[in-house]
Amino acid sequence: MSNTVSIIRSIMDIMRKDTGVDGDAQRISQMVWMLFMKIFANKEQECKNTVKDYESPIPKRFRWQNWAADAEGLTGDALQFARYLAIFAG
């Protein structure tokens, strides 16, 4: 448990340096969203391996592997759109 707490604290410390994020509540929601996207990407990989003709409901540019690889990442309206898209897609 303490390892998990230290990992979360490290992530939060990094996120505190990010401008435009107000307060820990907003940082926590963003961290949860990123974890969701990573878990979803892993599940999609499983589906690609097991489900014939599987197609992701998330447009290519908003998928974890593409978004996380971009040093700038998704921000602003693009990030908000990706959130809504994932909610409505599944």
Protein backbone atom coordinates (compact mmCIF):
# COMPACT_ATOMS: atom_id res chain seq x y z
CA MET A 1 0.00 0.00 0.00
CA SER A 2 2.75 2.47 0.87
CA ASN A 3 4.35 1.85 -2.55
CA THR A 4 1.09 2.81 -4.25
CA VAL A 5 0.84 5.93 -2.11
CA SER A 6 4.39 6.97 -2.98
CA ILE A 7 3.75 6.42 -6.69
CA ILE A 8 0.60 8.55 -6.54
CA ARG A 9 2.46 11.26 -4.62
CA SER A 10 5.23 11.25 -7.23
CA ILE A 11 2.70 11.60 -10.03
CA MET A 12 0.92 14.41 -8.17
CA ASP A 13 4.24 16.22 -7.61
CA ILE A 14 4.94 16.09 -11.33
CA MET A 15 1.42 17.26 -12.14
CA ARG A 16 1.74 20.20 -9.70
CA LYS A 17 4.35 21.67 -12.05
CA ASP A 18 1.80 21.69 -14.88
CA THR A 19 0.21 25.08 -15.50
CA GLY A 20 -3.51 25.38 -15.91
CA VAL A 21 -4.40 22.68 -13.38
CA ASP A 22 -6.07 24.05 -10.27
CA GLY A 23 -5.90 21.95 -7.15
CA ASP A 24 -5.45 18.32 -6.25
CA ALA A 25 -9.08 17.46 -7.03
CA GLN A 26 -8.52 18.34 -10.69
CA ARG A 27 -5.18 16.50 -10.73
CA ILE A 28 -6.77 13.37 -9.28
CA SER A 29 -9.52 13.37 -11.90
CA GLN A 30 -6.92 13.76 -14.66
CA MET A 31 -4.80 10.96 -13.20
CA VAL A 32 -7.83 8.66 -13.03
CA TRP A 33 -8.66 9.52 -16.63
CA MET A 34 -5.12 8.68 -17.77
CA LEU A 35 -5.23 5.35 -15.91
CA PHE A 36 -8.57 4.57 -17.55
CA MET A 37 -7.16 5.30 -21.01
CA LYS A 38 -4.12 3.07 -20.36
CA ILE A 39 -6.28 0.20 -19.09
CA PHE A 40 -8.63 0.64 -22.06
CA ALA A 41 -5.65 0.48 -24.44
CA ASN A 42 -4.53 -2.79 -22.86
CA LYS A 43 -8.03 -4.24 -23.21
CA GLU A 44 -8.15 -3.12 -26.82
CA GLN A 45 -4.91 -4.96 -27.50
CA GLU A 46 -6.51 -8.11 -26.08
CA CYS A 47 -9.54 -7.58 -28.32
CA LYS A 48 -7.34 -7.12 -31.37
CA ASN A 49 -5.73 -10.47 -30.59
CA THR A 50 -8.96 -12.35 -29.90
CA VAL A 51 -11.82 -10.67 -31.78
CA LYS A 52 -11.88 -10.94 -35.55
CA ASP A 53 -12.17 -7.55 -37.31
CA TYR A 54 -12.05 -5.59 -34.03
CA GLU A 55 -12.12 -1.83 -34.54
CA SER A 56 -11.52 0.67 -31.79
CA PRO A 57 -14.36 3.09 -31.00
CA ILE A 58 -11.74 5.77 -30.27
CA PRO A 59 -10.27 7.72 -33.20
CA LYS A 60 -6.61 6.97 -33.80
CA ARG A 61 -5.24 10.32 -32.61
CA PHE A 62 -7.02 10.00 -29.25
CA ARG A 63 -5.81 6.47 -28.44
CA TRP A 64 -3.42 6.04 -25.51
CA GLN A 65 -0.51 4.77 -27.57
CA ASN A 66 -0.68 7.82 -29.84
CA TRP A 67 -1.57 10.39 -27.19
CA ALA A 68 1.00 9.22 -24.63
CA ALA A 69 3.76 9.11 -27.25
CA ASP A 70 3.21 12.80 -28.07
CA ALA A 71 5.45 14.97 -25.85
CA GLU A 72 2.82 17.73 -25.96
CA GLY A 73 -0.07 15.31 -25.38
CA LEU A 74 -3.70 16.28 -25.73
CA THR A 75 -4.66 19.51 -24.07
CA GLY A 76 -7.59 21.86 -23.90
CA ASP A 77 -10.51 21.17 -26.21
CA ALA A 78 -8.86 18.11 -27.80
CA LEU A 79 -8.50 16.45 -24.40
CA GLN A 80 -12.08 17.32 -23.45
CA PHE A 81 -13.31 15.88 -26.76
CA ALA A 82 -11.39 12.65 -26.14
CA ARG A 83 -13.02 12.33 -22.71
CA TYR A 84 -16.53 12.73 -24.07
CA LEU A 85 -15.80 10.45 -26.99
CA ALA A 86 -14.65 7.64 -24.72
CA ILE A 87 -17.67 8.07 -22.43
CA PHE A 88 -20.18 7.93 -25.28
CA ALA A 89 -18.34 5.17 -27.16
CA GLY A 90 -18.54 2.66 -24.50
